[in-house]
Amino acid sequence: MRLGTFVAREHEAPRVSVENICGVLVHVVPRDRNRIKAALEALPGVEVHTMTDDGRLVVIVEDAEGLWAGATITSFHDIEGVLSVALVYHHFDQDLEGEIVP
């Protein structure tokens, strides 16, 4: 699978000072929403901001120590009851302090 290969390669790459902040919409089986919310919040760099009765969760994911945000988001699919995961916002900022930009 191409995505899996890409995620593995990016996860193994040396990290520079980068800030990834991702807004993700996660749709889950409504009856399992509380269990899935707890499972998501147990992951490093993950914060569930809101959850609806019909199983939609608004989630913020940031890079965590030694863990790329993209790998974390990809892992959401491994949680039983997750129906879909959609990246709706991405902020990427590389620390350029001290770099001369012409």
Protein backbone atom coordinates (compact mmCIF):
# COMPACT_ATOMS: atom_id res chain seq x y z
CA MET A 1 0.00 0.00 0.00
CA ARG A 2 1.48 3.33 -1.04
CA LEU A 3 0.16 5.32 1.91
CA GLY A 4 1.63 2.83 4.38
CA THR A 5 5.01 3.01 2.69
CA PHE A 6 4.94 6.82 2.68
CA VAL A 7 3.96 7.01 6.36
CA ALA A 8 6.67 4.52 7.34
CA ARG A 9 9.33 6.44 5.39
CA GLU A 10 8.28 9.80 6.85
CA HIS A 11 8.15 8.38 10.36
CA GLU A 12 11.70 7.04 10.07
CA ALA A 13 13.12 10.25 8.56
CA PRO A 14 15.16 12.51 10.85
CA ARG A 15 12.96 15.21 12.34
CA VAL A 16 13.80 18.86 12.02
CA SER A 17 12.08 21.43 14.18
CA VAL A 18 8.63 21.25 12.62
CA GLU A 19 5.18 21.97 13.91
CA ASN A 20 2.26 20.02 12.45
CA ILE A 21 -1.25 20.86 13.59
CA CYS A 22 -4.04 18.92 11.91
CA GLY A 23 -7.80 19.29 12.15
CA VAL A 24 -9.53 15.97 11.51
CA LEU A 25 -13.17 14.96 11.20
CA VAL A 26 -13.69 11.39 12.40
CA HIS A 27 -16.99 9.63 11.76
CA VAL A 28 -17.68 6.62 14.00
CA VAL A 29 -20.43 4.12 14.75
CA PRO A 30 -22.70 6.22 17.01
CA ARG A 31 -23.19 3.56 19.70
CA ASP A 32 -19.38 3.24 20.07
CA ARG A 33 -18.63 6.97 20.15
CA ASN A 34 -17.68 7.20 23.85
CA ARG A 35 -15.30 4.24 23.66
CA ILE A 36 -13.70 5.58 20.49
CA LYS A 37 -13.39 9.09 21.94
CA ALA A 38 -11.51 7.63 24.92
CA ALA A 39 -9.26 5.58 22.61
CA LEU A 40 -8.42 8.66 20.52
CA GLU A 41 -7.69 10.81 23.57
CA ALA A 42 -5.30 8.13 24.85
CA LEU A 43 -3.06 8.67 21.82
CA PRO A 44 -0.21 11.18 22.23
CA GLY A 45 -0.84 14.54 20.55
CA VAL A 46 -4.59 13.94 20.13
CA GLU A 47 -7.38 16.10 21.54
CA VAL A 48 -11.10 15.55 20.84
CA HIS A 49 -12.79 18.95 20.79
CA THR A 50 -16.39 17.91 20.26
CA MET A 51 -18.53 14.87 19.63
CA THR A 52 -22.08 14.64 18.29
CA ASP A 53 -24.75 12.06 19.07
CA ASP A 54 -24.60 10.78 15.48
CA GLY A 55 -20.90 9.88 15.79
CA ARG A 56 -18.95 12.82 14.39
CA LEU A 57 -15.83 13.91 16.28
CA VAL A 58 -13.74 17.02 15.68
CA VAL A 59 -10.16 16.10 16.56
CA ILE A 60 -6.91 18.08 16.71
CA VAL A 61 -3.69 16.12 16.15
CA GLU A 62 -0.20 17.50 16.70
CA ASP A 63 3.23 15.95 16.38
CA ALA A 64 4.13 14.25 19.65
CA GLU A 65 7.56 13.26 20.98
CA GLY A 66 8.91 10.83 18.39
CA LEU A 67 5.55 10.51 16.63
CA TRP A 68 4.55 12.20 13.37
CA ALA A 69 0.97 13.56 13.28
CA GLY A 70 0.35 11.80 9.95
CA ALA A 71 1.16 8.42 11.49
CA THR A 72 -1.20 9.13 14.37
CA ILE A 73 -4.03 10.06 12.00
CA THR A 74 -3.42 6.94 9.92
CA SER A 75 -3.69 4.84 13.08
CA PHE A 76 -7.27 6.06 13.64
CA HIS A 77 -8.37 3.53 11.01
CA ASP A 78 -7.13 0.72 13.29
CA ILE A 79 -9.72 1.58 15.96
CA GLU A 80 -12.78 -0.65 15.64
CA GLY A 81 -15.88 1.40 14.90
CA VAL A 82 -14.14 4.23 13.02
CA LEU A 83 -15.98 4.66 9.72
CA SER A 84 -14.03 7.50 8.11
CA VAL A 85 -11.22 9.94 8.80
CA ALA A 86 -10.90 13.22 6.90
CA LEU A 87 -8.11 15.76 7.21
CA VAL A 88 -9.85 19.16 6.99
CA TYR A 89 -7.09 21.49 8.17
CA HIS A 90 -3.30 21.30 8.20
CA HIS A 91 -0.81 23.85 9.53
CA PHE A 92 2.84 23.10 8.87
CA ASP A 93 5.52 25.41 10.23
CA GLN A 94 9.23 24.78 10.01
CA ASP A 95 11.42 26.66 12.46
CA LEU A 96 13.44 29.04 10.32
CA GLU A 97 14.87 31.12 13.15
CA GLY A 98 18.34 32.34 12.24
CA GLU A 99 17.98 31.42 8.58
CA ILE A 100 18.66 34.21 6.11
CA VAL A 101 15.90 34.54 3.56
CA PRO A 102 16.69 36.76 0.55
